[in-house]
Amino acid sequence: IAGYAIGASQGYIYVRAEYPIAVERLRIAIGQAREYGLLGKNIFDTG
């Protein structure tokens, strides 16, 4: 949502390596979002 609002196409999450469960769940979530087309190119066919 923030990317859409400010005109950005790339985001980064900077997370502590001491949070292994959080890191793993973020990796899973990012992979799922890409697979569903919720991250990446042409989200919701809106360009």
ModelCIF file with pLDDT and N, C-alpha, C, O atoms, coordinates in Angstrom:
data_MODEL
#
_entry.id   MODEL 
#
_entity.id                         1 
_entity.type                       polymer 
_entity.pdbx_number_of_molecules   1 
#
_entity_poly.entity_id                      1 
_entity_poly.type                           'polypeptide(L)' 
_entity_poly.nstd_linkage                   no 
_entity_poly.nstd_monomer                   no 
_entity_poly.pdbx_seq_one_letter_code       IAGYAIGASQGYIYVRAEYPIAVERLRIAIGQAREYGLLGKNIFDTG 
_entity_poly.pdbx_seq_one_letter_code_can   IAGYAIGASQGYIYVRAEYPIAVERLRIAIGQAREYGLLGKNIFDTG 
_entity_poly.pdbx_strand_id                 A 
#
loop_
_entity_poly_seq.entity_id 
_entity_poly_seq.num 
_entity_poly_seq.mon_id 
_entity_poly_seq.hetero 
1 1  ILE n 
1 2  ALA n 
1 3  GLY n 
1 4  TYR n 
1 5  ALA n 
1 6  ILE n 
1 7  GLY n 
1 8  ALA n 
1 9  SER n 
1 10 GLN n 
1 11 GLY n 
1 12 TYR n 
1 13 ILE n 
1 14 TYR n 
1 15 VAL n 
1 16 ARG n 
1 17 ALA n 
1 18 GLU n 
1 19 TYR n 
1 20 PRO n 
1 21 ILE n 
1 22 ALA n 
1 23 VAL n 
1 24 GLU n 
1 25 ARG n 
1 26 LEU n 
1 27 ARG n 
1 28 ILE n 
1 29 ALA n 
1 30 ILE n 
1 31 GLY n 
1 32 GLN n 
1 33 ALA n 
1 34 ARG n 
1 35 GLU n 
1 36 TYR n 
1 37 GLY n 
1 38 LEU n 
1 39 LEU n 
1 40 GLY n 
1 41 LYS n 
1 42 ASN n 
1 43 ILE n 
1 44 PHE n 
1 45 ASP n 
1 46 THR n 
1 47 GLY n 
#
_struct_asym.id          A 
_struct_asym.entity_id   1 
#
loop_
_ma_qa_metric.id 
_ma_qa_metric.mode 
_ma_qa_metric.name 
_ma_qa_metric.software_group_id 
_ma_qa_metric.type 
1 global pLDDT . pLDDT 
2 local  pLDDT . pLDDT 
#
_ma_qa_metric_global.metric_id      1 
_ma_qa_metric_global.metric_value   96.02 
_ma_qa_metric_global.model_id       1 
_ma_qa_metric_global.ordinal_id     1 
#
loop_
_ma_qa_metric_local.label_asym_id 
_ma_qa_metric_local.label_comp_id 
_ma_qa_metric_local.label_seq_id 
_ma_qa_metric_local.metric_id 
_ma_qa_metric_local.metric_value 
_ma_qa_metric_local.model_id 
_ma_qa_metric_local.ordinal_id 
A ILE 1  2 98.00 1 1  
A ALA 2  2 98.00 1 2  
A GLY 3  2 98.00 1 3  
A TYR 4  2 98.00 1 4  
A ALA 5  2 98.00 1 5  
A ILE 6  2 98.00 1 6  
A GLY 7  2 97.00 1 7  
A ALA 8  2 97.00 1 8  
A SER 9  2 97.00 1 9  
A GLN 10 2 98.00 1 10 
A GLY 11 2 98.00 1 11 
A TYR 12 2 98.00 1 12 
A ILE 13 2 98.00 1 13 
A TYR 14 2 97.00 1 14 
A VAL 15 2 96.00 1 15 
A ARG 16 2 91.00 1 16 
A ALA 17 2 91.00 1 17 
A GLU 18 2 90.00 1 18 
A TYR 19 2 91.00 1 19 
A PRO 20 2 91.00 1 20 
A ILE 21 2 89.00 1 21 
A ALA 22 2 92.00 1 22 
A VAL 23 2 95.00 1 23 
A GLU 24 2 93.00 1 24 
A ARG 25 2 92.00 1 25 
A LEU 26 2 96.00 1 26 
A ARG 27 2 97.00 1 27 
A ILE 28 2 96.00 1 28 
A ALA 29 2 97.00 1 29 
A ILE 30 2 98.00 1 30 
A GLY 31 2 97.00 1 31 
A GLN 32 2 97.00 1 32 
A ALA 33 2 98.00 1 33 
A ARG 34 2 98.00 1 34 
A GLU 35 2 97.00 1 35 
A TYR 36 2 97.00 1 36 
A GLY 37 2 97.00 1 37 
A LEU 38 2 98.00 1 38 
A LEU 39 2 98.00 1 39 
A GLY 40 2 97.00 1 40 
A LYS 41 2 97.00 1 41 
A ASN 42 2 97.00 1 42 
A ILE 43 2 98.00 1 43 
A PHE 44 2 96.00 1 44 
A ASP 45 2 96.00 1 45 
A THR 46 2 96.00 1 46 
A GLY 47 2 96.00 1 47 
#
loop_
_atom_site.group_PDB 
_atom_site.id 
_atom_site.type_symbol 
_atom_site.label_atom_id 
_atom_site.label_alt_id 
_atom_site.label_comp_id 
_atom_site.label_asym_id 
_atom_site.label_entity_id 
_atom_site.label_seq_id 
_atom_site.pdbx_PDB_ins_code 
_atom_site.Cartn_x 
_atom_site.Cartn_y 
_atom_site.Cartn_z 
_atom_site.occupancy 
_atom_site.B_iso_or_equiv 
_atom_site.pdbx_formal_charge 
_atom_site.auth_seq_id 
_atom_site.auth_comp_id 
_atom_site.auth_asym_id 
_atom_site.auth_atom_id 
_atom_site.pdbx_PDB_model_num 
ATOM 1   N N  . ILE A 1 1  ? 0.840  -1.203  0.000   1.00 98.00 ? 1  ILE A N  1 
ATOM 2   C CA . ILE A 1 1  ? 0.000  0.000   0.000   1.00 98.00 ? 1  ILE A CA 1 
ATOM 3   C C  . ILE A 1 1  ? 0.872  1.247   0.000   1.00 98.00 ? 1  ILE A C  1 
ATOM 4   O O  . ILE A 1 1  ? 0.603  2.203   -0.729  1.00 98.00 ? 1  ILE A O  1 
ATOM 5   N N  . ALA A 1 2  ? 1.919  1.232   0.824   1.00 98.00 ? 2  ALA A N  1 
ATOM 6   C CA . ALA A 1 2  ? 2.841  2.376   0.864   1.00 98.00 ? 2  ALA A CA 1 
ATOM 7   C C  . ALA A 1 2  ? 3.534  2.554   -0.474  1.00 98.00 ? 2  ALA A C  1 
ATOM 8   O O  . ALA A 1 2  ? 3.717  3.681   -0.934  1.00 98.00 ? 2  ALA A O  1 
ATOM 9   N N  . GLY A 1 3  ? 3.928  1.434   -1.115  1.00 98.00 ? 3  GLY A N  1 
ATOM 10  C CA . GLY A 1 3  ? 4.566  1.524   -2.429  1.00 98.00 ? 3  GLY A CA 1 
ATOM 11  C C  . GLY A 1 3  ? 3.659  2.163   -3.454  1.00 98.00 ? 3  GLY A C  1 
ATOM 12  O O  . GLY A 1 3  ? 4.097  2.995   -4.250  1.00 98.00 ? 3  GLY A O  1 
ATOM 13  N N  . TYR A 1 4  ? 2.385  1.773   -3.437  1.00 98.00 ? 4  TYR A N  1 
ATOM 14  C CA . TYR A 1 4  ? 1.406  2.376   -4.349  1.00 98.00 ? 4  TYR A CA 1 
ATOM 15  C C  . TYR A 1 4  ? 1.248  3.865   -4.070  1.00 98.00 ? 4  TYR A C  1 
ATOM 16  O O  . TYR A 1 4  ? 1.169  4.671   -4.997  1.00 98.00 ? 4  TYR A O  1 
ATOM 17  N N  . ALA A 1 5  ? 1.202  4.228   -2.787  1.00 98.00 ? 5  ALA A N  1 
ATOM 18  C CA . ALA A 1 5  ? 0.969  5.618   -2.407  1.00 98.00 ? 5  ALA A CA 1 
ATOM 19  C C  . ALA A 1 5  ? 2.107  6.547   -2.812  1.00 98.00 ? 5  ALA A C  1 
ATOM 20  O O  . ALA A 1 5  ? 1.865  7.680   -3.227  1.00 98.00 ? 5  ALA A O  1 
ATOM 21  N N  . ILE A 1 6  ? 3.337  6.078   -2.693  1.00 98.00 ? 6  ILE A N  1 
ATOM 22  C CA . ILE A 1 6  ? 4.479  6.978   -2.953  1.00 98.00 ? 6  ILE A CA 1 
ATOM 23  C C  . ILE A 1 6  ? 5.112  6.743   -4.317  1.00 98.00 ? 6  ILE A C  1 
ATOM 24  O O  . ILE A 1 6  ? 6.021  7.479   -4.704  1.00 98.00 ? 6  ILE A O  1 
ATOM 25  N N  . GLY A 1 7  ? 4.651  5.731   -5.058  1.00 97.00 ? 7  GLY A N  1 
ATOM 26  C CA . GLY A 1 7  ? 5.218  5.466   -6.373  1.00 97.00 ? 7  GLY A CA 1 
ATOM 27  C C  . GLY A 1 7  ? 6.491  4.661   -6.338  1.00 97.00 ? 7  GLY A C  1 
ATOM 28  O O  . GLY A 1 7  ? 7.404  4.906   -7.127  1.00 97.00 ? 7  GLY A O  1 
ATOM 29  N N  . ALA A 1 8  ? 6.571  3.677   -5.408  1.00 97.00 ? 8  ALA A N  1 
ATOM 30  C CA . ALA A 1 8  ? 7.750  2.811   -5.311  1.00 97.00 ? 8  ALA A CA 1 
ATOM 31  C C  . ALA A 1 8  ? 7.412  1.429   -5.857  1.00 97.00 ? 8  ALA A C  1 
ATOM 32  O O  . ALA A 1 8  ? 6.261  0.998   -5.792  1.00 97.00 ? 8  ALA A O  1 
ATOM 33  N N  . SER A 1 9  ? 8.398  0.745   -6.387  1.00 97.00 ? 9  SER A N  1 
ATOM 34  C CA . SER A 1 9  ? 8.192  -0.608  -6.901  1.00 97.00 ? 9  SER A CA 1 
ATOM 35  C C  . SER A 1 9  ? 9.010  -1.652  -6.153  1.00 97.00 ? 9  SER A C  1 
ATOM 36  O O  . SER A 1 9  ? 8.941  -2.840  -6.469  1.00 97.00 ? 9  SER A O  1 
ATOM 37  N N  . GLN A 1 10 ? 9.784  -1.214  -5.163  1.00 98.00 ? 10 GLN A N  1 
ATOM 38  C CA . GLN A 1 10 ? 10.632 -2.156  -4.424  1.00 98.00 ? 10 GLN A CA 1 
ATOM 39  C C  . GLN A 1 10 ? 10.610 -1.835  -2.933  1.00 98.00 ? 10 GLN A C  1 
ATOM 40  O O  . GLN A 1 10 ? 10.703 -0.673  -2.536  1.00 98.00 ? 10 GLN A O  1 
ATOM 41  N N  . GLY A 1 11 ? 10.487 -2.875  -2.114  1.00 98.00 ? 11 GLY A N  1 
ATOM 42  C CA . GLY A 1 11 ? 10.545 -2.720  -0.673  1.00 98.00 ? 11 GLY A CA 1 
ATOM 43  C C  . GLY A 1 11 ? 11.560 -3.665  -0.068  1.00 98.00 ? 11 GLY A C  1 
ATOM 44  O O  . GLY A 1 11 ? 11.910 -4.683  -0.667  1.00 98.00 ? 11 GLY A O  1 
ATOM 45  N N  . TYR A 1 12 ? 12.037 -3.322  1.131   1.00 98.00 ? 12 TYR A N  1 
ATOM 46  C CA . TYR A 1 12 ? 12.973 -4.169  1.864   1.00 98.00 ? 12 TYR A CA 1 
ATOM 47  C C  . TYR A 1 12 ? 12.530 -4.259  3.317   1.00 98.00 ? 12 TYR A C  1 
ATOM 48  O O  . TYR A 1 12 ? 12.101 -3.268  3.910   1.00 98.00 ? 12 TYR A O  1 
ATOM 49  N N  . ILE A 1 13 ? 12.638 -5.457  3.885   1.00 98.00 ? 13 ILE A N  1 
ATOM 50  C CA . ILE A 1 13 ? 12.438 -5.638  5.324   1.00 98.00 ? 13 ILE A CA 1 
ATOM 51  C C  . ILE A 1 13 ? 13.793 -5.971  5.925   1.00 98.00 ? 13 ILE A C  1 
ATOM 52  O O  . ILE A 1 13 ? 14.410 -6.976  5.573   1.00 98.00 ? 13 ILE A O  1 
ATOM 53  N N  . TYR A 1 14 ? 14.249 -5.120  6.833   1.00 97.00 ? 14 TYR A N  1 
ATOM 54  C CA . TYR A 1 14 ? 15.529 -5.329  7.505   1.00 97.00 ? 14 TYR A CA 1 
ATOM 55  C C  . TYR A 1 14 ? 15.224 -5.899  8.890   1.00 97.00 ? 14 TYR A C  1 
ATOM 56  O O  . TYR A 1 14 ? 14.747 -5.187  9.773   1.00 97.00 ? 14 TYR A O  1 
ATOM 57  N N  . VAL A 1 15 ? 15.505 -7.190  9.067   1.00 96.00 ? 15 VAL A N  1 
ATOM 58  C CA . VAL A 1 15 ? 15.095 -7.888  10.282  1.00 96.00 ? 15 VAL A CA 1 
ATOM 59  C C  . VAL A 1 15 ? 16.309 -8.502  10.968  1.00 96.00 ? 15 VAL A C  1 
ATOM 60  O O  . VAL A 1 15 ? 17.284 -8.879  10.318  1.00 96.00 ? 15 VAL A O  1 
ATOM 61  N N  . ARG A 1 16 ? 16.233 -8.592  12.268  1.00 91.00 ? 16 ARG A N  1 
ATOM 62  C CA . ARG A 1 16 ? 17.325 -9.180  13.046  1.00 91.00 ? 16 ARG A CA 1 
ATOM 63  C C  . ARG A 1 16 ? 17.481 -10.666 12.725  1.00 91.00 ? 16 ARG A C  1 
ATOM 64  O O  . ARG A 1 16 ? 16.498 -11.406 12.693  1.00 91.00 ? 16 ARG A O  1 
ATOM 65  N N  . ALA A 1 17 ? 18.709 -11.091 12.491  1.00 91.00 ? 17 ALA A N  1 
ATOM 66  C CA . ALA A 1 17 ? 18.970 -12.514 12.270  1.00 91.00 ? 17 ALA A CA 1 
ATOM 67  C C  . ALA A 1 17 ? 18.704 -13.321 13.535  1.00 91.00 ? 17 ALA A C  1 
ATOM 68  O O  . ALA A 1 17 ? 18.550 -14.541 13.466  1.00 91.00 ? 17 ALA A O  1 
ATOM 69  N N  . GLU A 1 18 ? 18.649 -12.654 14.699  1.00 90.00 ? 18 GLU A N  1 
ATOM 70  C CA . GLU A 1 18 ? 18.363 -13.342 15.963  1.00 90.00 ? 18 GLU A CA 1 
ATOM 71  C C  . GLU A 1 18 ? 16.891 -13.728 16.096  1.00 90.00 ? 18 GLU A C  1 
ATOM 72  O O  . GLU A 1 18 ? 16.494 -14.306 17.107  1.00 90.00 ? 18 GLU A O  1 
ATOM 73  N N  . TYR A 1 19 ? 16.081 -13.414 15.087  1.00 91.00 ? 19 TYR A N  1 
ATOM 74  C CA . TYR A 1 19 ? 14.659 -13.770 15.084  1.00 91.00 ? 19 TYR A CA 1 
ATOM 75  C C  . TYR A 1 19 ? 14.408 -14.874 14.045  1.00 91.00 ? 19 TYR A C  1 
ATOM 76  O O  . TYR A 1 19 ? 13.763 -14.610 13.030  1.00 91.00 ? 19 TYR A O  1 
ATOM 77  N N  . PRO A 1 20 ? 14.897 -16.094 14.269  1.00 91.00 ? 20 PRO A N  1 
ATOM 78  C CA . PRO A 1 20 ? 14.824 -17.117 13.217  1.00 91.00 ? 20 PRO A CA 1 
ATOM 79  C C  . PRO A 1 20 ? 13.402 -17.494 12.821  1.00 91.00 ? 20 PRO A C  1 
ATOM 80  O O  . PRO A 1 20 ? 13.143 -17.743 11.644  1.00 91.00 ? 20 PRO A O  1 
ATOM 81  N N  . ILE A 1 21 ? 12.467 -17.542 13.784  1.00 89.00 ? 21 ILE A N  1 
ATOM 82  C CA . ILE A 1 21 ? 11.090 -17.903 13.432  1.00 89.00 ? 21 ILE A CA 1 
ATOM 83  C C  . ILE A 1 21 ? 10.464 -16.799 12.589  1.00 89.00 ? 21 ILE A C  1 
ATOM 84  O O  . ILE A 1 21 ? 9.790  -17.077 11.598  1.00 89.00 ? 21 ILE A O  1 
ATOM 85  N N  . ALA A 1 22 ? 10.687 -15.549 12.981  1.00 92.00 ? 22 ALA A N  1 
ATOM 86  C CA . ALA A 1 22 ? 10.152 -14.420 12.209  1.00 92.00 ? 22 ALA A CA 1 
ATOM 87  C C  . ALA A 1 22 ? 10.735 -14.397 10.802  1.00 92.00 ? 22 ALA A C  1 
ATOM 88  O O  . ALA A 1 22 ? 10.013 -14.160 9.834   1.00 92.00 ? 22 ALA A O  1 
ATOM 89  N N  . VAL A 1 23 ? 12.024 -14.639 10.687  1.00 95.00 ? 23 VAL A N  1 
ATOM 90  C CA . VAL A 1 23 ? 12.682 -14.642 9.368   1.00 95.00 ? 23 VAL A CA 1 
ATOM 91  C C  . VAL A 1 23 ? 12.084 -15.731 8.490   1.00 95.00 ? 23 VAL A C  1 
ATOM 92  O O  . VAL A 1 23 ? 11.776 -15.495 7.322   1.00 95.00 ? 23 VAL A O  1 
ATOM 93  N N  . GLU A 1 24 ? 11.918 -16.929 9.055   1.00 93.00 ? 24 GLU A N  1 
ATOM 94  C CA . GLU A 1 24 ? 11.376 -18.043 8.276   1.00 93.00 ? 24 GLU A CA 1 
ATOM 95  C C  . GLU A 1 24 ? 9.950  -17.753 7.826   1.00 93.00 ? 24 GLU A C  1 
ATOM 96  O O  . GLU A 1 24 ? 9.584  -18.041 6.686   1.00 93.00 ? 24 GLU A O  1 
ATOM 97  N N  . ARG A 1 25 ? 9.146  -17.184 8.716   1.00 92.00 ? 25 ARG A N  1 
ATOM 98  C CA . ARG A 1 25 ? 7.756  -16.902 8.342   1.00 92.00 ? 25 ARG A CA 1 
ATOM 99  C C  . ARG A 1 25 ? 7.668  -15.789 7.306   1.00 92.00 ? 25 ARG A C  1 
ATOM 100 O O  . ARG A 1 25 ? 6.782  -15.809 6.451   1.00 92.00 ? 25 ARG A O  1 
ATOM 101 N N  . LEU A 1 26 ? 8.567  -14.830 7.372   1.00 96.00 ? 26 LEU A N  1 
ATOM 102 C CA . LEU A 1 26 ? 8.601  -13.794 6.342   1.00 96.00 ? 26 LEU A CA 1 
ATOM 103 C C  . LEU A 1 26 ? 8.964  -14.388 4.994   1.00 96.00 ? 26 LEU A C  1 
ATOM 104 O O  . LEU A 1 26 ? 8.376  -14.030 3.973   1.00 96.00 ? 26 LEU A O  1 
ATOM 105 N N  . ARG A 1 27 ? 9.930  -15.292 4.988   1.00 97.00 ? 27 ARG A N  1 
ATOM 106 C CA . ARG A 1 27 ? 10.322 -15.924 3.726   1.00 97.00 ? 27 ARG A CA 1 
ATOM 107 C C  . ARG A 1 27 ? 9.152  -16.700 3.128   1.00 97.00 ? 27 ARG A C  1 
ATOM 108 O O  . ARG A 1 27 ? 8.904  -16.643 1.924   1.00 97.00 ? 27 ARG A O  1 
ATOM 109 N N  . ILE A 1 28 ? 8.439  -17.424 3.987   1.00 96.00 ? 28 ILE A N  1 
ATOM 110 C CA . ILE A 1 28 ? 7.278  -18.180 3.508   1.00 96.00 ? 28 ILE A CA 1 
ATOM 111 C C  . ILE A 1 28 ? 6.224  -17.222 2.967   1.00 96.00 ? 28 ILE A C  1 
ATOM 112 O O  . ILE A 1 28 ? 5.672  -17.445 1.890   1.00 96.00 ? 28 ILE A O  1 
ATOM 113 N N  . ALA A 1 29 ? 5.944  -16.154 3.714   1.00 97.00 ? 29 ALA A N  1 
ATOM 114 C CA . ALA A 1 29 ? 4.896  -15.205 3.320   1.00 97.00 ? 29 ALA A CA 1 
ATOM 115 C C  . ALA A 1 29 ? 5.228  -14.508 2.008   1.00 97.00 ? 29 ALA A C  1 
ATOM 116 O O  . ALA A 1 29 ? 4.358  -14.360 1.150   1.00 97.00 ? 29 ALA A O  1 
ATOM 117 N N  . ILE A 1 30 ? 6.470  -14.079 1.844   1.00 98.00 ? 30 ILE A N  1 
ATOM 118 C CA . ILE A 1 30 ? 6.875  -13.408 0.600   1.00 98.00 ? 30 ILE A CA 1 
ATOM 119 C C  . ILE A 1 30 ? 6.746  -14.368 -0.577  1.00 98.00 ? 30 ILE A C  1 
ATOM 120 O O  . ILE A 1 30 ? 6.280  -13.981 -1.648  1.00 98.00 ? 30 ILE A O  1 
ATOM 121 N N  . GLY A 1 31 ? 7.159  -15.621 -0.382  1.00 97.00 ? 31 GLY A N  1 
ATOM 122 C CA . GLY A 1 31 ? 7.025  -16.608 -1.447  1.00 97.00 ? 31 GLY A CA 1 
ATOM 123 C C  . GLY A 1 31 ? 5.579  -16.854 -1.835  1.00 97.00 ? 31 GLY A C  1 
ATOM 124 O O  . GLY A 1 31 ? 5.256  -16.958 -3.018  1.00 97.00 ? 31 GLY A O  1 
ATOM 125 N N  . GLN A 1 32 ? 4.698  -16.947 -0.825  1.00 97.00 ? 32 GLN A N  1 
ATOM 126 C CA . GLN A 1 32 ? 3.273  -17.152 -1.103  1.00 97.00 ? 32 GLN A CA 1 
ATOM 127 C C  . GLN A 1 32 ? 2.680  -15.958 -1.840  1.00 97.00 ? 32 GLN A C  1 
ATOM 128 O O  . GLN A 1 32 ? 1.928  -16.130 -2.799  1.00 97.00 ? 32 GLN A O  1 
ATOM 129 N N  . ALA A 1 33 ? 3.016  -14.750 -1.396  1.00 98.00 ? 33 ALA A N  1 
ATOM 130 C CA . ALA A 1 33 ? 2.466  -13.543 -2.018  1.00 98.00 ? 33 ALA A CA 1 
ATOM 131 C C  . ALA A 1 33 ? 2.903  -13.432 -3.476  1.00 98.00 ? 33 ALA A C  1 
ATOM 132 O O  . ALA A 1 33 ? 2.129  -13.009 -4.335  1.00 98.00 ? 33 ALA A O  1 
ATOM 133 N N  . ARG A 1 34 ? 4.146  -13.813 -3.743  1.00 98.00 ? 34 ARG A N  1 
ATOM 134 C CA . ARG A 1 34 ? 4.614  -13.799 -5.135  1.00 98.00 ? 34 ARG A CA 1 
ATOM 135 C C  . ARG A 1 34 ? 3.863  -14.841 -5.959  1.00 98.00 ? 34 ARG A C  1 
ATOM 136 O O  . ARG A 1 34 ? 3.474  -14.573 -7.096  1.00 98.00 ? 34 ARG A O  1 
ATOM 137 N N  . GLU A 1 35 ? 3.660  -16.019 -5.394  1.00 97.00 ? 35 GLU A N  1 
ATOM 138 C CA . GLU A 1 35 ? 2.969  -17.091 -6.107  1.00 97.00 ? 35 GLU A CA 1 
ATOM 139 C C  . GLU A 1 35 ? 1.538  -16.697 -6.444  1.00 97.00 ? 35 GLU A C  1 
ATOM 140 O O  . GLU A 1 35 ? 1.036  -17.048 -7.512  1.00 97.00 ? 35 GLU A O  1 
ATOM 141 N N  . TYR A 1 36 ? 0.877  -15.974 -5.550  1.00 97.00 ? 36 TYR A N  1 
ATOM 142 C CA . TYR A 1 36 ? -0.514 -15.567 -5.758  1.00 97.00 ? 36 TYR A CA 1 
ATOM 143 C C  . TYR A 1 36 ? -0.626 -14.283 -6.582  1.00 97.00 ? 36 TYR A C  1 
ATOM 144 O O  . TYR A 1 36 ? -1.731 -13.848 -6.908  1.00 97.00 ? 36 TYR A O  1 
ATOM 145 N N  . GLY A 1 37 ? 0.513  -13.678 -6.917  1.00 97.00 ? 37 GLY A N  1 
ATOM 146 C CA . GLY A 1 37 ? 0.466  -12.436 -7.679  1.00 97.00 ? 37 GLY A CA 1 
ATOM 147 C C  . GLY A 1 37 ? 0.174  -11.211 -6.845  1.00 97.00 ? 37 GLY A C  1 
ATOM 148 O O  . GLY A 1 37 ? -0.211 -10.170 -7.377  1.00 97.00 ? 37 GLY A O  1 
ATOM 149 N N  . LEU A 1 38 ? 0.357  -11.327 -5.521  1.00 98.00 ? 38 LEU A N  1 
ATOM 150 C CA . LEU A 1 38 ? 0.136  -10.192 -4.627  1.00 98.00 ? 38 LEU A CA 1 
ATOM 151 C C  . LEU A 1 38 ? 1.404  -9.374  -4.425  1.00 98.00 ? 38 LEU A C  1 
ATOM 152 O O  . LEU A 1 38 ? 1.359  -8.271  -3.881  1.00 98.00 ? 38 LEU A O  1 
ATOM 153 N N  . LEU A 1 39 ? 2.516  -9.912  -4.859  1.00 98.00 ? 39 LEU A N  1 
ATOM 154 C CA . LEU A 1 39 ? 3.773  -9.178  -4.983  1.00 98.00 ? 39 LEU A CA 1 
ATOM 155 C C  . LEU A 1 39 ? 4.326  -9.488  -6.367  1.00 98.00 ? 39 LEU A C  1 
ATOM 156 O O  . LEU A 1 39 ? 4.103  -10.568 -6.912  1.00 98.00 ? 39 LEU A O  1 
ATOM 157 N N  . GLY A 1 40 ? 5.041  -8.536  -6.917  1.00 97.00 ? 40 GLY A N  1 
ATOM 158 C CA . GLY A 1 40 ? 5.634  -8.742  -8.236  1.00 97.00 ? 40 GLY A CA 1 
ATOM 159 C C  . GLY A 1 40 ? 5.061  -7.796  -9.276  1.00 97.00 ? 40 GLY A C  1 
ATOM 160 O O  . GLY A 1 40 ? 4.756  -6.642  -8.976  1.00 97.00 ? 40 GLY A O  1 
ATOM 161 N N  . LYS A 1 41 ? 4.916  -8.284  -10.486 1.00 97.00 ? 41 LYS A N  1 
ATOM 162 C CA . LYS A 1 41 ? 4.472  -7.458  -11.612 1.00 97.00 ? 41 LYS A CA 1 
ATOM 163 C C  . LYS A 1 41 ? 2.947  -7.442  -11.726 1.00 97.00 ? 41 LYS A C  1 
ATOM 164 O O  . LYS A 1 41 ? 2.284  -8.458  -11.519 1.00 97.00 ? 41 LYS A O  1 
ATOM 165 N N  . ASN A 1 42 ? 2.409  -6.272  -12.059 1.00 97.00 ? 42 ASN A N  1 
ATOM 166 C CA . ASN A 1 42 ? 1.008  -6.127  -12.459 1.00 97.00 ? 42 ASN A CA 1 
ATOM 167 C C  . ASN A 1 42 ? 0.028  -6.702  -11.425 1.00 97.00 ? 42 ASN A C  1 
ATOM 168 O O  . ASN A 1 42 ? -0.813 -7.542  -11.748 1.00 97.00 ? 42 ASN A O  1 
ATOM 169 N N  . ILE A 1 43 ? 0.154  -6.238  -10.193 1.00 98.00 ? 43 ILE A N  1 
ATOM 170 C CA . ILE A 1 43 ? -0.671 -6.738  -9.095  1.00 98.00 ? 43 ILE A CA 1 
ATOM 171 C C  . ILE A 1 43 ? -2.142 -6.421  -9.359  1.00 98.00 ? 43 ILE A C  1 
ATOM 172 O O  . ILE A 1 43 ? -2.485 -5.279  -9.665  1.00 98.00 ? 43 ILE A O  1 
ATOM 173 N N  . PHE A 1 44 ? -3.010 -7.423  -9.242  1.00 96.00 ? 44 PHE A N  1 
ATOM 174 C CA . PHE A 1 44 ? -4.455 -7.289  -9.491  1.00 96.00 ? 44 PHE A CA 1 
ATOM 175 C C  . PHE A 1 44 ? -4.750 -6.779  -10.912 1.00 96.00 ? 44 PHE A C  1 
ATOM 176 O O  . PHE A 1 44 ? -5.811 -6.205  -11.158 1.00 96.00 ? 44 PHE A O  1 
ATOM 177 N N  . ASP A 1 45 ? -3.818 -6.988  -11.834 1.00 96.00 ? 45 ASP A N  1 
ATOM 178 C CA . ASP A 1 45 ? -3.985 -6.513  -13.217 1.00 96.00 ? 45 ASP A CA 1 
ATOM 179 C C  . ASP A 1 45 ? -4.199 -4.999  -13.292 1.00 96.00 ? 45 ASP A C  1 
ATOM 180 O O  . ASP A 1 45 ? -4.933 -4.504  -14.148 1.00 96.00 ? 45 ASP A O  1 
ATOM 181 N N  . THR A 1 46 ? -3.553 -4.286  -12.394 1.00 96.00 ? 46 THR A N  1 
ATOM 182 C CA . THR A 1 46 ? -3.713 -2.823  -12.356 1.00 96.00 ? 46 THR A CA 1 
ATOM 183 C C  . THR A 1 46 ? -2.517 -2.096  -12.966 1.00 96.00 ? 46 THR A C  1 
ATOM 184 O O  . THR A 1 46 ? -2.539 -0.873  -13.104 1.00 96.00 ? 46 THR A O  1 
ATOM 185 N N  . GLY A 1 47 ? -1.477 -2.839  -13.329 1.00 96.00 ? 47 GLY A N  1 
ATOM 186 C CA . GLY A 1 47 ? -0.263 -2.196  -13.814 1.00 96.00 ? 47 GLY A CA 1 
ATOM 187 C C  . GLY A 1 47 ? 0.689  -1.794  -12.711 1.00 96.00 ? 47 GLY A C  1 
ATOM 188 O O  . GLY A 1 47 ? 1.753  -1.240  -12.985 1.00 96.00 ? 47 GLY A O  1 
#
